[in-house]
Structures are given as C-alpha cells and as structure tokens.
All heavy atoms as atom14 arrays in JSON, in Angstrom:
{
  "sequence": "LAHVEELETQRTDLETALRELQSLISETDRRIREAFETTFEAAA",
  "atom14_mask": [
    [1, 1, 1, 1, 1, 1, 1, 1, 0, 0, 0, 0, 0, 0],
    [1, 1, 1, 1, 1, 0, 0, 0, 0, 0, 0, 0, 0, 0],
    [1, 1, 1, 1, 1, 1, 1, 1, 1, 1, 0, 0, 0, 0],
    [1, 1, 1, 1, 1, 1, 1, 0, 0, 0, 0, 0, 0, 0],
    [1, 1, 1, 1, 1, 1, 1, 1, 1, 0, 0, 0, 0, 0],
    [1, 1, 1, 1, 1, 1, 1, 1, 1, 0, 0, 0, 0, 0],
    [1, 1, 1, 1, 1, 1, 1, 1, 0, 0, 0, 0, 0, 0],
    [1, 1, 1, 1, 1, 1, 1, 1, 1, 0, 0, 0, 0, 0],
    [1, 1, 1, 1, 1, 1, 1, 0, 0, 0, 0, 0, 0, 0],
    [1, 1, 1, 1, 1, 1, 1, 1, 1, 0, 0, 0, 0, 0],
    [1, 1, 1, 1, 1, 1, 1, 1, 1, 1, 1, 0, 0, 0],
    [1, 1, 1, 1, 1, 1, 1, 0, 0, 0, 0, 0, 0, 0],
    [1, 1, 1, 1, 1, 1, 1, 1, 0, 0, 0, 0, 0, 0],
    [1, 1, 1, 1, 1, 1, 1, 1, 0, 0, 0, 0, 0, 0],
    [1, 1, 1, 1, 1, 1, 1, 1, 1, 0, 0, 0, 0, 0],
    [1, 1, 1, 1, 1, 1, 1, 0, 0, 0, 0, 0, 0, 0],
    [1, 1, 1, 1, 1, 0, 0, 0, 0, 0, 0, 0, 0, 0],
    [1, 1, 1, 1, 1, 1, 1, 1, 0, 0, 0, 0, 0, 0],
    [1, 1, 1, 1, 1, 1, 1, 1, 1, 1, 1, 0, 0, 0],
    [1, 1, 1, 1, 1, 1, 1, 1, 1, 0, 0, 0, 0, 0],
    [1, 1, 1, 1, 1, 1, 1, 1, 0, 0, 0, 0, 0, 0],
    [1, 1, 1, 1, 1, 1, 1, 1, 1, 0, 0, 0, 0, 0],
    [1, 1, 1, 1, 1, 1, 0, 0, 0, 0, 0, 0, 0, 0],
    [1, 1, 1, 1, 1, 1, 1, 1, 0, 0, 0, 0, 0, 0],
    [1, 1, 1, 1, 1, 1, 1, 1, 0, 0, 0, 0, 0, 0],
    [1, 1, 1, 1, 1, 1, 0, 0, 0, 0, 0, 0, 0, 0],
    [1, 1, 1, 1, 1, 1, 1, 1, 1, 0, 0, 0, 0, 0],
    [1, 1, 1, 1, 1, 1, 1, 0, 0, 0, 0, 0, 0, 0],
    [1, 1, 1, 1, 1, 1, 1, 1, 0, 0, 0, 0, 0, 0],
    [1, 1, 1, 1, 1, 1, 1, 1, 1, 1, 1, 0, 0, 0],
    [1, 1, 1, 1, 1, 1, 1, 1, 1, 1, 1, 0, 0, 0],
    [1, 1, 1, 1, 1, 1, 1, 1, 0, 0, 0, 0, 0, 0],
    [1, 1, 1, 1, 1, 1, 1, 1, 1, 1, 1, 0, 0, 0],
    [1, 1, 1, 1, 1, 1, 1, 1, 1, 0, 0, 0, 0, 0],
    [1, 1, 1, 1, 1, 0, 0, 0, 0, 0, 0, 0, 0, 0],
    [1, 1, 1, 1, 1, 1, 1, 1, 1, 1, 1, 0, 0, 0],
    [1, 1, 1, 1, 1, 1, 1, 1, 1, 0, 0, 0, 0, 0],
    [1, 1, 1, 1, 1, 1, 1, 0, 0, 0, 0, 0, 0, 0],
    [1, 1, 1, 1, 1, 1, 1, 0, 0, 0, 0, 0, 0, 0],
    [1, 1, 1, 1, 1, 1, 1, 1, 1, 1, 1, 0, 0, 0],
    [1, 1, 1, 1, 1, 1, 1, 1, 1, 0, 0, 0, 0, 0],
    [1, 1, 1, 1, 1, 0, 0, 0, 0, 0, 0, 0, 0, 0],
    [1, 1, 1, 1, 1, 0, 0, 0, 0, 0, 0, 0, 0, 0],
    [1, 1, 1, 1, 1, 0, 0, 0, 0, 0, 0, 0, 0, 0]
  ],
  "atom14_positions": [
    [[-16.62, -5.28, 5.57], [-15.94, -5.6, 6.83], [-15.34, -7.01, 6.78], [-14.19, -7.23, 7.2], [-16.92, -5.47, 7.99], [-16.34, -5.67, 9.41], [-15.26, -4.64, 9.68], [-17.44, -5.6, 10.45], [0.0, 0.0, 0.0], [0.0, 0.0, 0.0], [0.0, 0.0, 0.0], [0.0, 0.0, 0.0], [0.0, 0.0, 0.0], [0.0, 0.0, 0.0]],
    [[-16.11, -7.97, 6.23], [-15.58, -9.34, 6.11], [-14.38, -9.38, 5.17], [-13.39, -10.1, 5.42], [-16.68, -10.28, 5.61], [0.0, 0.0, 0.0], [0.0, 0.0, 0.0], [0.0, 0.0, 0.0], [0.0, 0.0, 0.0], [0.0, 0.0, 0.0], [0.0, 0.0, 0.0], [0.0, 0.0, 0.0], [0.0, 0.0, 0.0], [0.0, 0.0, 0.0]],
    [[-14.45, -8.59, 4.06], [-13.32, -8.56, 3.11], [-12.07, -7.97, 3.77], [-10.95, -8.46, 3.57], [-13.73, -7.74, 1.89], [-12.69, -7.69, 0.83], [-12.24, -8.81, 0.18], [-11.98, -6.64, 0.31], [-11.32, -8.49, -0.69], [-11.14, -7.16, -0.64], [0.0, 0.0, 0.0], [0.0, 0.0, 0.0], [0.0, 0.0, 0.0], [0.0, 0.0, 0.0]],
    [[-12.28, -6.91, 4.59], [-11.14, -6.3, 5.27], [-10.52, -7.28, 6.26], [-9.29, -7.4, 6.37], [-11.58, -5.0, 5.98], [-10.47, -4.48, 6.91], [-11.93, -3.93, 4.94], [0.0, 0.0, 0.0], [0.0, 0.0, 0.0], [0.0, 0.0, 0.0], [0.0, 0.0, 0.0], [0.0, 0.0, 0.0], [0.0, 0.0, 0.0], [0.0, 0.0, 0.0]],
    [[-11.36, -8.01, 6.99], [-10.84, -9.01, 7.93], [-10.05, -10.09, 7.19], [-8.99, -10.54, 7.65], [-11.98, -9.62, 8.72], [-12.65, -8.64, 9.68], [-13.84, -9.27, 10.39], [-14.17, -10.42, 10.04], [-14.43, -8.61, 11.28], [0.0, 0.0, 0.0], [0.0, 0.0, 0.0], [0.0, 0.0, 0.0], [0.0, 0.0, 0.0], [0.0, 0.0, 0.0]],
    [[-10.57, -10.51, 6.03], [-9.85, -11.52, 5.24], [-8.51, -10.98, 4.74], [-7.48, -11.68, 4.78], [-10.71, -11.95, 4.05], [-10.06, -13.04, 3.19], [-10.95, -13.44, 2.02], [-12.05, -12.86, 1.89], [-10.52, -14.31, 1.24], [0.0, 0.0, 0.0], [0.0, 0.0, 0.0], [0.0, 0.0, 0.0], [0.0, 0.0, 0.0], [0.0, 0.0, 0.0]],
    [[-8.5, -9.7, 4.3], [-7.24, -9.09, 3.87], [-6.25, -8.98, 5.03], [-5.03, -9.17, 4.84], [-7.51, -7.71, 3.26], [-8.26, -7.7, 1.93], [-8.49, -6.27, 1.47], [-7.49, -8.46, 0.86], [0.0, 0.0, 0.0], [0.0, 0.0, 0.0], [0.0, 0.0, 0.0], [0.0, 0.0, 0.0], [0.0, 0.0, 0.0], [0.0, 0.0, 0.0]],
    [[-6.76, -8.68, 6.23], [-5.86, -8.6, 7.39], [-5.24, -9.97, 7.67], [-4.04, -10.08, 7.98], [-6.65, -8.12, 8.61], [-7.04, -6.64, 8.56], [-5.83, -5.74, 8.7], [-4.79, -6.21, 9.19], [-5.93, -4.57, 8.31], [0.0, 0.0, 0.0], [0.0, 0.0, 0.0], [0.0, 0.0, 0.0], [0.0, 0.0, 0.0], [0.0, 0.0, 0.0]],
    [[-6.07, -11.02, 7.55], [-5.54, -12.38, 7.76], [-4.48, -12.72, 6.72], [-3.41, -13.26, 7.03], [-6.68, -13.4, 7.7], [-7.68, -13.04, 8.66], [-6.16, -14.8, 7.99], [0.0, 0.0, 0.0], [0.0, 0.0, 0.0], [0.0, 0.0, 0.0], [0.0, 0.0, 0.0], [0.0, 0.0, 0.0], [0.0, 0.0, 0.0], [0.0, 0.0, 0.0]],
    [[-4.76, -12.38, 5.44], [-3.79, -12.63, 4.39], [-2.5, -11.82, 4.61], [-1.39, -12.32, 4.37], [-4.39, -12.31, 3.03], [-5.54, -13.23, 2.62], [-6.13, -12.86, 1.29], [-5.67, -11.92, 0.64], [-7.16, -13.58, 0.87], [0.0, 0.0, 0.0], [0.0, 0.0, 0.0], [0.0, 0.0, 0.0], [0.0, 0.0, 0.0], [0.0, 0.0, 0.0]],
    [[-2.66, -10.58, 5.08], [-1.48, -9.74, 5.34], [-0.62, -10.36, 6.44], [0.61, -10.41, 6.33], [-1.92, -8.34, 5.73], [-0.76, -7.42, 6.05], [-1.24, -6.06, 6.5], [-0.14, -5.2, 6.9], [-0.27, -3.97, 7.38], [-1.49, -3.45, 7.53], [0.78, -3.26, 7.71], [0.0, 0.0, 0.0], [0.0, 0.0, 0.0], [0.0, 0.0, 0.0]],
    [[-1.29, -10.86, 7.5], [-0.53, -11.5, 8.58], [0.23, -12.72, 8.06], [1.41, -12.94, 8.38], [-1.49, -11.91, 9.7], [-2.2, -10.75, 10.15], [-0.72, -12.51, 10.87], [0.0, 0.0, 0.0], [0.0, 0.0, 0.0], [0.0, 0.0, 0.0], [0.0, 0.0, 0.0], [0.0, 0.0, 0.0], [0.0, 0.0, 0.0], [0.0, 0.0, 0.0]],
    [[-0.46, -13.54, 7.22], [0.2, -14.72, 6.64], [1.38, -14.32, 5.76], [2.45, -14.94, 5.8], [-0.8, -15.55, 5.85], [-1.9, -16.12, 6.72], [-1.68, -16.21, 7.95], [-2.98, -16.45, 6.19], [0.0, 0.0, 0.0], [0.0, 0.0, 0.0], [0.0, 0.0, 0.0], [0.0, 0.0, 0.0], [0.0, 0.0, 0.0], [0.0, 0.0, 0.0]],
    [[1.18, -13.27, 4.95], [2.27, -12.82, 4.07], [3.45, -12.28, 4.86], [4.61, -12.51, 4.51], [1.74, -11.75, 3.11], [0.77, -12.25, 2.02], [0.25, -11.07, 1.21], [1.47, -13.23, 1.1], [0.0, 0.0, 0.0], [0.0, 0.0, 0.0], [0.0, 0.0, 0.0], [0.0, 0.0, 0.0], [0.0, 0.0, 0.0], [0.0, 0.0, 0.0]],
    [[3.17, -11.53, 5.93], [4.27, -11.02, 6.75], [5.04, -12.16, 7.4], [6.28, -12.14, 7.47], [3.72, -10.06, 7.81], [3.2, -8.74, 7.24], [2.58, -7.85, 8.31], [2.4, -8.36, 9.44], [2.28, -6.68, 8.01], [0.0, 0.0, 0.0], [0.0, 0.0, 0.0], [0.0, 0.0, 0.0], [0.0, 0.0, 0.0], [0.0, 0.0, 0.0]],
    [[4.3, -13.18, 7.88], [4.98, -14.34, 8.47], [5.84, -15.05, 7.43], [7.0, -15.42, 7.68], [3.94, -15.3, 9.06], [3.14, -14.6, 10.01], [4.63, -16.48, 9.73], [0.0, 0.0, 0.0], [0.0, 0.0, 0.0], [0.0, 0.0, 0.0], [0.0, 0.0, 0.0], [0.0, 0.0, 0.0], [0.0, 0.0, 0.0], [0.0, 0.0, 0.0]],
    [[5.24, -15.27, 6.21], [6.01, -15.92, 5.15], [7.21, -15.08, 4.74], [8.29, -15.62, 4.43], [5.1, -16.18, 3.95], [0.0, 0.0, 0.0], [0.0, 0.0, 0.0], [0.0, 0.0, 0.0], [0.0, 0.0, 0.0], [0.0, 0.0, 0.0], [0.0, 0.0, 0.0], [0.0, 0.0, 0.0], [0.0, 0.0, 0.0], [0.0, 0.0, 0.0]],
    [[7.04, -13.73, 4.73], [8.16, -12.85, 4.36], [9.29, -12.96, 5.37], [10.47, -13.01, 5.0], [7.66, -11.41, 4.25], [8.7, -10.37, 3.86], [9.3, -10.7, 2.5], [8.09, -8.97, 3.84], [0.0, 0.0, 0.0], [0.0, 0.0, 0.0], [0.0, 0.0, 0.0], [0.0, 0.0, 0.0], [0.0, 0.0, 0.0], [0.0, 0.0, 0.0]],
    [[8.94, -12.99, 6.67], [9.98, -13.13, 7.68], [10.71, -14.46, 7.53], [11.95, -14.52, 7.64], [9.37, -13.0, 9.08], [8.96, -11.58, 9.44], [8.65, -11.47, 10.91], [7.49, -12.28, 11.28], [6.23, -11.85, 11.26], [5.96, -10.61, 10.89], [5.24, -12.64, 11.62], [0.0, 0.0, 0.0], [0.0, 0.0, 0.0], [0.0, 0.0, 0.0]],
    [[9.94, -15.52, 7.29], [10.59, -16.83, 7.1], [11.47, -16.83, 5.86], [12.58, -17.39, 5.87], [9.52, -17.92, 6.98], [8.71, -18.12, 8.26], [7.62, -19.15, 8.08], [7.47, -19.64, 6.94], [6.92, -19.47, 9.07], [0.0, 0.0, 0.0], [0.0, 0.0, 0.0], [0.0, 0.0, 0.0], [0.0, 0.0, 0.0], [0.0, 0.0, 0.0]],
    [[10.97, -16.19, 4.77], [11.76, -16.13, 3.54], [13.04, -15.32, 3.74], [14.12, -15.69, 3.27], [10.92, -15.53, 2.41], [11.58, -15.46, 1.03], [11.98, -16.85, 0.56], [10.65, -14.81, 0.02], [0.0, 0.0, 0.0], [0.0, 0.0, 0.0], [0.0, 0.0, 0.0], [0.0, 0.0, 0.0], [0.0, 0.0, 0.0], [0.0, 0.0, 0.0]],
    [[12.93, -14.2, 4.46], [14.13, -13.4, 4.73], [15.13, -14.17, 5.58], [16.35, -14.1, 5.37], [13.74, -12.09, 5.42], [13.01, -11.12, 4.5], [12.55, -9.87, 5.22], [12.57, -9.82, 6.46], [12.11, -8.87, 4.47], [0.0, 0.0, 0.0], [0.0, 0.0, 0.0], [0.0, 0.0, 0.0], [0.0, 0.0, 0.0], [0.0, 0.0, 0.0]],
    [[14.6, -14.93, 6.55], [15.5, -15.76, 7.36], [16.19, -16.81, 6.51], [17.4, -17.05, 6.62], [14.71, -16.42, 8.49], [15.53, -17.31, 9.22], [0.0, 0.0, 0.0], [0.0, 0.0, 0.0], [0.0, 0.0, 0.0], [0.0, 0.0, 0.0], [0.0, 0.0, 0.0], [0.0, 0.0, 0.0], [0.0, 0.0, 0.0], [0.0, 0.0, 0.0]],
    [[15.41, -17.45, 5.59], [15.99, -18.46, 4.71], [17.02, -17.84, 3.77], [18.09, -18.42, 3.52], [14.88, -19.14, 3.9], [15.32, -20.19, 2.87], [16.04, -21.34, 3.57], [14.12, -20.7, 2.08], [0.0, 0.0, 0.0], [0.0, 0.0, 0.0], [0.0, 0.0, 0.0], [0.0, 0.0, 0.0], [0.0, 0.0, 0.0], [0.0, 0.0, 0.0]],
    [[16.73, -16.64, 3.27], [17.67, -15.96, 2.37], [18.96, -15.63, 3.11], [20.07, -15.82, 2.6], [17.03, -14.7, 1.77], [15.93, -15.09, 0.76], [18.06, -13.84, 1.08], [15.13, -13.92, 0.25], [0.0, 0.0, 0.0], [0.0, 0.0, 0.0], [0.0, 0.0, 0.0], [0.0, 0.0, 0.0], [0.0, 0.0, 0.0], [0.0, 0.0, 0.0]],
    [[18.82, -15.14, 4.35], [20.02, -14.81, 5.13], [20.85, -16.05, 5.38], [22.09, -16.03, 5.25], [19.6, -14.16, 6.44], [18.86, -12.98, 6.2], [0.0, 0.0, 0.0], [0.0, 0.0, 0.0], [0.0, 0.0, 0.0], [0.0, 0.0, 0.0], [0.0, 0.0, 0.0], [0.0, 0.0, 0.0], [0.0, 0.0, 0.0], [0.0, 0.0, 0.0]],
    [[20.18, -17.17, 5.74], [20.91, -18.41, 5.99], [21.59, -18.91, 4.73], [22.74, -19.37, 4.75], [19.94, -19.47, 6.53], [20.57, -20.82, 6.82], [21.58, -20.76, 7.96], [21.54, -19.78, 8.74], [22.41, -21.68, 8.07], [0.0, 0.0, 0.0], [0.0, 0.0, 0.0], [0.0, 0.0, 0.0], [0.0, 0.0, 0.0], [0.0, 0.0, 0.0]],
    [[20.86, -18.81, 3.58], [21.45, -19.25, 2.3], [22.64, -18.38, 1.93], [23.69, -18.89, 1.49], [20.39, -19.19, 1.2], [19.25, -19.98, 1.58], [20.94, -19.75, -0.11], [0.0, 0.0, 0.0], [0.0, 0.0, 0.0], [0.0, 0.0, 0.0], [0.0, 0.0, 0.0], [0.0, 0.0, 0.0], [0.0, 0.0, 0.0], [0.0, 0.0, 0.0]],
    [[22.51, -17.05, 2.1], [23.64, -16.16, 1.82], [24.84, -16.49, 2.71], [25.99, -16.47, 2.27], [23.22, -14.71, 2.01], [22.3, -14.24, 0.89], [22.33, -14.86, -0.18], [21.56, -13.27, 1.1], [0.0, 0.0, 0.0], [0.0, 0.0, 0.0], [0.0, 0.0, 0.0], [0.0, 0.0, 0.0], [0.0, 0.0, 0.0], [0.0, 0.0, 0.0]],
    [[24.55, -16.79, 3.98], [25.65, -17.12, 4.89], [26.36, -18.39, 4.45], [27.6, -18.45, 4.42], [25.1, -17.28, 6.32], [26.17, -17.53, 7.37], [25.55, -17.79, 8.72], [24.74, -19.0, 8.69], [25.23, -20.26, 8.77], [26.55, -20.44, 8.88], [24.43, -21.29, 8.74], [0.0, 0.0, 0.0], [0.0, 0.0, 0.0], [0.0, 0.0, 0.0]],
    [[25.57, -19.42, 4.08], [26.19, -20.67, 3.64], [26.98, -20.48, 2.35], [28.07, -21.02, 2.18], [25.12, -21.74, 3.44], [24.46, -22.19, 4.74], [23.47, -23.33, 4.48], [22.85, -23.78, 5.72], [21.98, -24.78, 5.78], [21.63, -25.42, 4.66], [21.45, -25.14, 6.94], [0.0, 0.0, 0.0], [0.0, 0.0, 0.0], [0.0, 0.0, 0.0]],
    [[26.4, -19.69, 1.43], [27.12, -19.43, 0.17], [28.43, -18.7, 0.44], [29.48, -19.01, -0.12], [26.23, -18.62, -0.8], [25.08, -19.5, -1.3], [27.03, -18.09, -1.98], [24.09, -18.76, -2.16], [0.0, 0.0, 0.0], [0.0, 0.0, 0.0], [0.0, 0.0, 0.0], [0.0, 0.0, 0.0], [0.0, 0.0, 0.0], [0.0, 0.0, 0.0]],
    [[28.37, -17.71, 1.34], [29.57, -16.94, 1.65], [30.62, -17.82, 2.31], [31.81, -17.76, 1.98], [29.2, -15.75, 2.56], [30.35, -14.84, 2.87], [29.86, -13.56, 3.5], [29.07, -13.81, 4.69], [27.76, -13.67, 4.78], [27.07, -13.29, 3.71], [27.11, -13.92, 5.89], [0.0, 0.0, 0.0], [0.0, 0.0, 0.0], [0.0, 0.0, 0.0]],
    [[30.17, -18.69, 3.26], [31.12, -19.58, 3.92], [31.73, -20.57, 2.93], [32.95, -20.8, 2.94], [30.42, -20.33, 5.04], [30.01, -19.43, 6.21], [29.26, -20.21, 7.28], [29.0, -21.42, 7.05], [28.93, -19.63, 8.32], [0.0, 0.0, 0.0], [0.0, 0.0, 0.0], [0.0, 0.0, 0.0], [0.0, 0.0, 0.0], [0.0, 0.0, 0.0]],
    [[30.86, -21.16, 2.03], [31.4, -22.1, 1.05], [32.36, -21.42, 0.1], [33.41, -21.97, -0.26], [30.25, -22.75, 0.29], [0.0, 0.0, 0.0], [0.0, 0.0, 0.0], [0.0, 0.0, 0.0], [0.0, 0.0, 0.0], [0.0, 0.0, 0.0], [0.0, 0.0, 0.0], [0.0, 0.0, 0.0], [0.0, 0.0, 0.0], [0.0, 0.0, 0.0]],
    [[32.03, -20.2, -0.31], [32.91, -19.48, -1.22], [34.24, -19.14, -0.54], [35.31, -19.28, -1.14], [32.22, -18.2, -1.71], [33.11, -17.34, -2.56], [33.4, -17.68, -3.87], [33.7, -16.19, -2.03], [34.22, -16.89, -4.65], [34.53, -15.41, -2.8], [34.79, -15.76, -4.11], [0.0, 0.0, 0.0], [0.0, 0.0, 0.0], [0.0, 0.0, 0.0]],
    [[34.17, -18.68, 0.7], [35.41, -18.31, 1.39], [36.31, -19.54, 1.57], [37.53, -19.47, 1.37], [35.07, -17.69, 2.75], [34.43, -16.3, 2.63], [33.99, -15.77, 3.98], [34.11, -16.53, 4.97], [33.54, -14.61, 4.04], [0.0, 0.0, 0.0], [0.0, 0.0, 0.0], [0.0, 0.0, 0.0], [0.0, 0.0, 0.0], [0.0, 0.0, 0.0]],
    [[35.68, -20.68, 1.94], [36.47, -21.91, 2.12], [37.12, -22.32, 0.81], [38.33, -22.63, 0.74], [35.58, -23.03, 2.66], [34.98, -22.6, 3.88], [36.39, -24.29, 2.9], [0.0, 0.0, 0.0], [0.0, 0.0, 0.0], [0.0, 0.0, 0.0], [0.0, 0.0, 0.0], [0.0, 0.0, 0.0], [0.0, 0.0, 0.0], [0.0, 0.0, 0.0]],
    [[36.3, -22.33, -0.27], [36.83, -22.73, -1.57], [37.9, -21.75, -2.05], [38.93, -22.14, -2.61], [35.71, -22.82, -2.6], [34.7, -23.71, -2.12], [36.21, -23.34, -3.93], [0.0, 0.0, 0.0], [0.0, 0.0, 0.0], [0.0, 0.0, 0.0], [0.0, 0.0, 0.0], [0.0, 0.0, 0.0], [0.0, 0.0, 0.0], [0.0, 0.0, 0.0]],
    [[37.66, -20.45, -1.84], [38.62, -19.45, -2.32], [39.94, -19.56, -1.57], [41.01, -19.44, -2.16], [38.03, -18.05, -2.16], [38.99, -16.96, -2.57], [39.24, -16.69, -3.9], [39.66, -16.22, -1.61], [40.13, -15.71, -4.27], [40.55, -15.24, -1.98], [40.79, -14.98, -3.31], [0.0, 0.0, 0.0], [0.0, 0.0, 0.0], [0.0, 0.0, 0.0]],
    [[39.87, -19.77, -0.25], [41.11, -19.88, 0.51], [41.93, -21.08, 0.04], [43.15, -21.0, -0.14], [40.8, -20.01, 2.0], [40.23, -18.72, 2.61], [39.81, -18.91, 4.05], [39.95, -20.07, 4.54], [39.35, -17.94, 4.68], [0.0, 0.0, 0.0], [0.0, 0.0, 0.0], [0.0, 0.0, 0.0], [0.0, 0.0, 0.0], [0.0, 0.0, 0.0]],
    [[41.21, -22.24, -0.19], [41.93, -23.42, -0.66], [42.5, -23.19, -2.06], [43.66, -23.54, -2.35], [41.0, -24.63, -0.66], [0.0, 0.0, 0.0], [0.0, 0.0, 0.0], [0.0, 0.0, 0.0], [0.0, 0.0, 0.0], [0.0, 0.0, 0.0], [0.0, 0.0, 0.0], [0.0, 0.0, 0.0], [0.0, 0.0, 0.0], [0.0, 0.0, 0.0]],
    [[41.69, -22.57, -2.96], [42.17, -22.32, -4.33], [43.33, -21.32, -4.32], [44.29, -21.46, -5.1], [41.02, -21.79, -5.2], [0.0, 0.0, 0.0], [0.0, 0.0, 0.0], [0.0, 0.0, 0.0], [0.0, 0.0, 0.0], [0.0, 0.0, 0.0], [0.0, 0.0, 0.0], [0.0, 0.0, 0.0], [0.0, 0.0, 0.0], [0.0, 0.0, 0.0]],
    [[43.27, -20.3, -3.47], [44.36, -19.31, -3.42], [45.65, -19.96, -2.95], [46.75, -19.71, -3.5], [43.97, -18.15, -2.5], [0.0, 0.0, 0.0], [0.0, 0.0, 0.0], [0.0, 0.0, 0.0], [0.0, 0.0, 0.0], [0.0, 0.0, 0.0], [0.0, 0.0, 0.0], [0.0, 0.0, 0.0], [0.0, 0.0, 0.0], [0.0, 0.0, 0.0]]
  ]
}
C-alpha cells in the first residue's frame, strides 16, 4: 500500500512535469515557427 501511494505521488509529479514540458515544447515550436517565417519572408 505504501509503495502504491508512492507510485501515485510519482505519477502525479510526472504528469505535472509532462504538462509543463508539453507547454514548453509548444512555446518553443511557436517561437521557432515565428522566427523561421520572419527570416523566410525577409530572405524571399
């Protein structure tokens, strides 16, 4: 029972970290896309 509770706590931490990582990835992709579009428009 103690091991299951510890796994539940770790799962909650991992889900929180996953959401933060997905948010960071989305923000990074957005910045990359914006920088690429700006550079491409100027280069074109």
